[in-house]
Amino acid sequence: MGSGQRSNAPVVQQAYKALDQFKYEIANELGIDQNQIYGGYWGNLTSRDCGAVGGHMVRRMIEAAEQSLAQQALAGMKTGFQTGFNAAGSNPNQSVKIGTTPNQGPNTYQ
């Protein structure tokens, strides 16, 4: 490899096997003939097929990241709601009725 060129190594080395397996799963889903892949060498496939595999991998990883973020946000909302609910219920003698505010009685508008 010439100077200035970089290898295409995963940032997290432990993910290498999982990414490699993921690549083969995507190729299988796309119906790409894996008999042309010899010992991990994909050079016998067309650029279009290899690009399709990479593109679908990226699309799936973005989808997984978005789902993870959505779940984190939902968990945060649940935690916030639970905290607020517990705080409101911390005084068992206090009840809040619709149209009133705690410790102030009914709302009056003039």
N, C-alpha and C. Protein backbone atom coordinates (compact mmCIF):
# COMPACT_ATOMS: atom_id res chain seq x y z
N MET A 1 0.85 -1.17 0.00
CA MET A 1 0.00 0.00 0.00
C MET A 1 0.90 1.23 0.00
N GLY A 2 0.60 2.20 -0.82
CA GLY A 2 1.41 3.40 -0.93
C GLY A 2 1.26 4.30 0.28
N SER A 3 2.20 5.21 0.41
CA SER A 3 2.10 6.15 1.53
C SER A 3 0.91 7.08 1.29
N GLY A 4 0.25 7.41 2.36
CA GLY A 4 -0.92 8.27 2.26
C GLY A 4 -2.22 7.51 2.10
N GLN A 5 -2.12 6.22 1.77
CA GLN A 5 -3.34 5.41 1.66
C GLN A 5 -3.62 4.77 3.01
N ARG A 6 -4.86 4.59 3.29
CA ARG A 6 -5.27 3.99 4.56
C ARG A 6 -5.96 2.68 4.30
N SER A 7 -5.88 1.80 5.26
CA SER A 7 -6.60 0.54 5.13
C SER A 7 -8.04 0.76 5.59
N ASN A 8 -8.89 -0.09 5.16
CA ASN A 8 -10.31 0.00 5.51
C ASN A 8 -10.56 -0.87 6.73
N ALA A 9 -10.09 -0.42 7.87
CA ALA A 9 -10.21 -1.20 9.11
C ALA A 9 -11.36 -0.65 9.95
N PRO A 10 -12.10 -1.54 10.61
CA PRO A 10 -13.18 -1.07 11.48
C PRO A 10 -12.64 -0.26 12.65
N VAL A 11 -13.41 0.70 13.10
CA VAL A 11 -13.01 1.51 14.25
C VAL A 11 -12.99 0.65 15.50
N VAL A 12 -13.98 -0.21 15.64
CA VAL A 12 -14.06 -1.14 16.77
C VAL A 12 -13.65 -2.51 16.26
N GLN A 13 -12.46 -2.95 16.64
CA GLN A 13 -11.92 -4.21 16.12
C GLN A 13 -12.80 -5.41 16.44
N GLN A 14 -13.50 -5.40 17.57
CA GLN A 14 -14.35 -6.51 17.96
C GLN A 14 -15.55 -6.65 17.02
N ALA A 15 -15.84 -5.64 16.23
CA ALA A 15 -17.00 -5.66 15.33
C ALA A 15 -16.65 -6.26 13.98
N TYR A 16 -15.39 -6.58 13.73
CA TYR A 16 -14.97 -7.03 12.40
C TYR A 16 -15.74 -8.27 11.95
N LYS A 17 -15.81 -9.29 12.80
CA LYS A 17 -16.50 -10.52 12.42
C LYS A 17 -17.99 -10.28 12.18
N ALA A 18 -18.60 -9.48 13.04
CA ALA A 18 -20.03 -9.20 12.89
C ALA A 18 -20.30 -8.44 11.60
N LEU A 19 -19.44 -7.48 11.26
CA LEU A 19 -19.62 -6.73 10.01
C LEU A 19 -19.42 -7.62 8.79
N ASP A 20 -18.46 -8.52 8.87
CA ASP A 20 -18.21 -9.43 7.77
C ASP A 20 -19.41 -10.36 7.56
N GLN A 21 -19.95 -10.89 8.65
CA GLN A 21 -21.14 -11.75 8.56
C GLN A 21 -22.33 -10.95 8.03
N PHE A 22 -22.46 -9.71 8.49
CA PHE A 22 -23.54 -8.84 8.05
C PHE A 22 -23.45 -8.61 6.54
N LYS A 23 -22.24 -8.45 6.03
CA LYS A 23 -22.02 -8.24 4.60
C LYS A 23 -22.53 -9.44 3.79
N TYR A 24 -22.23 -10.63 4.27
CA TYR A 24 -22.68 -11.84 3.57
C TYR A 24 -24.21 -12.00 3.66
N GLU A 25 -24.79 -11.63 4.79
CA GLU A 25 -26.25 -11.71 4.94
C GLU A 25 -26.94 -10.77 3.95
N ILE A 26 -26.42 -9.55 3.83
CA ILE A 26 -27.01 -8.58 2.90
C ILE A 26 -26.86 -9.09 1.46
N ALA A 27 -25.69 -9.62 1.12
CA ALA A 27 -25.47 -10.15 -0.23
C ALA A 27 -26.46 -11.27 -0.52
N ASN A 28 -26.72 -12.11 0.45
CA ASN A 28 -27.68 -13.20 0.29
C ASN A 28 -29.09 -12.66 0.06
N GLU A 29 -29.47 -11.64 0.85
CA GLU A 29 -30.79 -11.04 0.70
C GLU A 29 -30.97 -10.39 -0.66
N LEU A 30 -29.89 -9.85 -1.21
CA LEU A 30 -29.96 -9.19 -2.51
C LEU A 30 -29.87 -10.19 -3.66
N GLY A 31 -29.65 -11.45 -3.34
CA GLY A 31 -29.57 -12.47 -4.37
C GLY A 31 -28.27 -12.46 -5.15
N ILE A 32 -27.22 -11.98 -4.54
CA ILE A 32 -25.92 -11.93 -5.20
C ILE A 32 -25.27 -13.31 -5.11
N ASP A 33 -24.74 -13.77 -6.24
CA ASP A 33 -24.11 -15.09 -6.31
C ASP A 33 -22.83 -15.10 -5.49
N GLN A 34 -22.87 -15.79 -4.36
CA GLN A 34 -21.72 -15.82 -3.47
C GLN A 34 -20.70 -16.88 -3.87
N ASN A 35 -20.99 -17.63 -4.93
CA ASN A 35 -20.01 -18.59 -5.43
C ASN A 35 -18.83 -17.88 -6.08
N GLN A 36 -18.98 -16.60 -6.38
CA GLN A 36 -17.90 -15.82 -6.98
C GLN A 36 -16.97 -15.23 -5.92
N ILE A 37 -17.31 -15.40 -4.66
CA ILE A 37 -16.49 -14.86 -3.57
C ILE A 37 -15.59 -16.00 -3.09
N TYR A 38 -14.30 -15.82 -3.24
CA TYR A 38 -13.33 -16.85 -2.86
C TYR A 38 -12.47 -16.35 -1.72
N GLY A 39 -12.59 -16.98 -0.57
CA GLY A 39 -11.73 -16.62 0.57
C GLY A 39 -11.87 -15.17 0.99
N GLY A 40 -13.04 -14.62 0.89
CA GLY A 40 -13.25 -13.24 1.28
C GLY A 40 -12.91 -12.23 0.19
N TYR A 41 -12.49 -12.70 -0.97
CA TYR A 41 -12.16 -11.81 -2.09
C TYR A 41 -13.41 -11.55 -2.92
N TRP A 42 -13.83 -10.29 -2.96
CA TRP A 42 -15.05 -9.90 -3.65
C TRP A 42 -14.76 -9.30 -5.03
N GLY A 43 -13.52 -9.37 -5.49
CA GLY A 43 -13.11 -8.75 -6.74
C GLY A 43 -13.73 -9.35 -7.98
N ASN A 44 -14.29 -10.53 -7.88
CA ASN A 44 -14.93 -11.16 -9.03
C ASN A 44 -16.37 -10.69 -9.24
N LEU A 45 -16.88 -9.94 -8.29
CA LEU A 45 -18.23 -9.39 -8.41
C LEU A 45 -18.17 -8.04 -9.10
N THR A 46 -19.29 -7.62 -9.64
CA THR A 46 -19.34 -6.31 -10.29
C THR A 46 -19.32 -5.21 -9.23
N SER A 47 -18.88 -4.04 -9.65
CA SER A 47 -18.88 -2.89 -8.74
C SER A 47 -20.29 -2.56 -8.30
N ARG A 48 -21.24 -2.76 -9.19
CA ARG A 48 -22.64 -2.49 -8.87
C ARG A 48 -23.12 -3.38 -7.73
N ASP A 49 -22.77 -4.68 -7.80
CA ASP A 49 -23.19 -5.60 -6.75
C ASP A 49 -22.52 -5.27 -5.43
N CYS A 50 -21.22 -5.01 -5.46
CA CYS A 50 -20.50 -4.66 -4.23
C CYS A 50 -21.05 -3.36 -3.64
N GLY A 51 -21.32 -2.40 -4.49
CA GLY A 51 -21.88 -1.13 -4.02
C GLY A 51 -23.26 -1.30 -3.42
N ALA A 52 -24.05 -2.19 -4.01
CA ALA A 52 -25.39 -2.45 -3.46
C ALA A 52 -25.29 -3.04 -2.06
N VAL A 53 -24.34 -3.95 -1.88
CA VAL A 53 -24.16 -4.55 -0.55
C VAL A 53 -23.77 -3.47 0.45
N GLY A 54 -22.77 -2.65 0.10
CA GLY A 54 -22.34 -1.59 1.00
C GLY A 54 -23.45 -0.59 1.29
N GLY A 55 -24.20 -0.22 0.27
CA GLY A 55 -25.30 0.73 0.45
C GLY A 55 -26.38 0.20 1.36
N HIS A 56 -26.73 -1.07 1.19
CA HIS A 56 -27.76 -1.67 2.05
C HIS A 56 -27.25 -1.83 3.48
N MET A 57 -25.96 -2.12 3.62
CA MET A 57 -25.39 -2.21 4.97
C MET A 57 -25.50 -0.87 5.69
N VAL A 58 -25.14 0.20 5.00
CA VAL A 58 -25.20 1.53 5.59
C VAL A 58 -26.64 1.90 5.93
N ARG A 59 -27.55 1.60 5.03
CA ARG A 59 -28.97 1.89 5.26
C ARG A 59 -29.47 1.18 6.52
N ARG A 60 -29.12 -0.09 6.68
CA ARG A 60 -29.55 -0.86 7.85
C ARG A 60 -28.90 -0.33 9.13
N MET A 61 -27.63 0.05 9.06
CA MET A 61 -26.96 0.56 10.26
C MET A 61 -27.56 1.90 10.69
N ILE A 62 -27.91 2.74 9.73
CA ILE A 62 -28.56 4.01 10.06
C ILE A 62 -29.93 3.75 10.68
N GLU A 63 -30.67 2.82 10.12
CA GLU A 63 -31.98 2.46 10.67
C GLU A 63 -31.84 1.96 12.11
N ALA A 64 -30.84 1.12 12.37
CA ALA A 64 -30.62 0.60 13.72
C ALA A 64 -30.25 1.73 14.68
N ALA A 65 -29.42 2.67 14.23
CA ALA A 65 -29.04 3.80 15.08
C ALA A 65 -30.25 4.68 15.38
N GLU A 66 -31.10 4.92 14.38
CA GLU A 66 -32.30 5.73 14.59
C GLU A 66 -33.24 5.06 15.58
N GLN A 67 -33.41 3.75 15.45
CA GLN A 67 -34.26 3.03 16.40
C GLN A 67 -33.70 3.10 17.81
N SER A 68 -32.39 2.98 17.93
CA SER A 68 -31.75 3.07 19.24
C SER A 68 -31.98 4.45 19.86
N LEU A 69 -31.82 5.50 19.05
CA LEU A 69 -32.05 6.86 19.55
C LEU A 69 -33.51 7.06 19.96
N ALA A 70 -34.42 6.53 19.16
CA ALA A 70 -35.84 6.66 19.49
C ALA A 70 -36.16 5.94 20.80
N GLN A 71 -35.59 4.77 20.99
CA GLN A 71 -35.82 4.02 22.23
C GLN A 71 -35.24 4.76 23.43
N GLN A 72 -34.05 5.37 23.25
CA GLN A 72 -33.45 6.15 24.33
C GLN A 72 -34.32 7.34 24.69
N ALA A 73 -34.85 8.00 23.66
CA ALA A 73 -35.71 9.16 23.90
C ALA A 73 -36.98 8.74 24.61
N LEU A 74 -37.56 7.63 24.19
CA LEU A 74 -38.78 7.13 24.83
C LEU A 74 -38.50 6.74 26.28
N ALA A 75 -37.36 6.10 26.52
CA ALA A 75 -37.00 5.73 27.89
C ALA A 75 -36.83 6.98 28.75
N GLY A 76 -36.24 8.03 28.16
CA GLY A 76 -36.08 9.29 28.89
C GLY A 76 -37.41 9.93 29.22
N MET A 77 -38.36 9.86 28.28
CA MET A 77 -39.69 10.42 28.52
C MET A 77 -40.39 9.62 29.61
N LYS A 78 -40.26 8.30 29.57
CA LYS A 78 -40.89 7.46 30.59
C LYS A 78 -40.31 7.76 31.96
N THR A 79 -38.98 7.93 32.01
CA THR A 79 -38.33 8.24 33.28
C THR A 79 -38.82 9.59 33.80
N GLY A 80 -38.89 10.59 32.91
CA GLY A 80 -39.37 11.90 33.32
C GLY A 80 -40.81 11.86 33.79
N PHE A 81 -41.65 11.12 33.07
CA PHE A 81 -43.05 10.99 33.47
C PHE A 81 -43.16 10.29 34.81
N GLN A 82 -42.39 9.21 34.97
CA GLN A 82 -42.44 8.45 36.22
C GLN A 82 -41.96 9.30 37.39
N THR A 83 -40.92 10.11 37.17
CA THR A 83 -40.41 10.99 38.21
C THR A 83 -41.48 12.01 38.60
N GLY A 84 -42.11 12.61 37.60
CA GLY A 84 -43.17 13.58 37.88
C GLY A 84 -44.37 12.93 38.55
N PHE A 85 -44.70 11.74 38.12
CA PHE A 85 -45.83 11.02 38.71
C PHE A 85 -45.53 10.67 40.16
N ASN A 86 -44.31 10.21 40.42
CA ASN A 86 -43.93 9.86 41.79
C ASN A 86 -43.88 11.09 42.67
N ALA A 87 -43.44 12.23 42.13
CA ALA A 87 -43.37 13.46 42.91
C ALA A 87 -44.78 13.93 43.27
N ALA A 88 -45.71 13.81 42.33
CA ALA A 88 -47.09 14.22 42.60
C ALA A 88 -47.74 13.28 43.60
N GLY A 89 -47.33 12.03 43.59
CA GLY A 89 -47.92 11.05 44.50
C GLY A 89 -47.15 10.90 45.79
N SER A 90 -46.13 11.73 46.02
CA SER A 90 -45.32 11.59 47.23
C SER A 90 -46.09 12.00 48.48
N ASN A 91 -47.12 12.84 48.35
CA ASN A 91 -47.96 13.22 49.48
C ASN A 91 -49.30 12.53 49.31
N PRO A 92 -49.54 11.43 50.01
CA PRO A 92 -50.78 10.68 49.79
C PRO A 92 -52.03 11.46 50.16
N ASN A 93 -51.94 12.49 50.99
CA ASN A 93 -53.11 13.28 51.37
C ASN A 93 -53.44 14.35 50.35
N GLN A 94 -52.52 14.58 49.41
CA GLN A 94 -52.73 15.61 48.40
C GLN A 94 -53.39 14.99 47.18
N SER A 95 -54.45 15.57 46.73
CA SER A 95 -55.07 15.12 45.50
C SER A 95 -55.25 16.34 44.60
N VAL A 96 -55.11 16.11 43.34
CA VAL A 96 -55.27 17.19 42.39
C VAL A 96 -56.47 16.86 41.53
N LYS A 97 -57.42 17.77 41.50
CA LYS A 97 -58.62 17.57 40.69
C LYS A 97 -58.51 18.44 39.45
N ILE A 98 -59.13 17.99 38.39
CA ILE A 98 -59.12 18.76 37.16
C ILE A 98 -59.77 20.10 37.41
N GLY A 99 -59.12 21.15 36.93
CA GLY A 99 -59.64 22.50 37.12
C GLY A 99 -59.11 23.15 38.38
N THR A 100 -58.24 22.44 39.12
CA THR A 100 -57.65 23.02 40.31
C THR A 100 -56.15 22.91 40.22
N THR A 101 -55.49 23.67 41.07
CA THR A 101 -54.04 23.54 41.18
C THR A 101 -53.74 23.09 42.61
N PRO A 102 -52.70 22.36 42.83
CA PRO A 102 -52.41 21.85 44.18
C PRO A 102 -52.29 22.98 45.19
N ASN A 103 -52.91 22.78 46.33
CA ASN A 103 -52.84 23.69 47.48
C ASN A 103 -53.45 25.06 47.22
N GLN A 104 -54.18 25.26 46.13
CA GLN A 104 -54.75 26.57 45.86
C GLN A 104 -56.25 26.53 45.63
N GLY A 105 -56.82 25.35 45.51
CA GLY A 105 -58.25 25.27 45.28
C GLY A 105 -58.58 25.50 43.83
N PRO A 106 -59.88 25.71 43.55
CA PRO A 106 -60.32 25.88 42.16
C PRO A 106 -59.74 27.14 41.53
N ASN A 107 -59.52 27.04 40.22
CA ASN A 107 -59.08 28.20 39.47
C ASN A 107 -60.25 29.13 39.28
N THR A 108 -60.04 30.38 39.50
CA THR A 108 -61.11 31.36 39.26
C THR A 108 -60.61 32.36 38.24
N TYR A 109 -61.45 32.68 37.31
CA TYR A 109 -61.11 33.63 36.26
C TYR A 109 -62.09 34.78 36.35
N GLN A 110 -61.60 35.98 36.34
CA GLN A 110 -62.50 37.14 36.42
C GLN A 110 -62.37 38.00 35.21
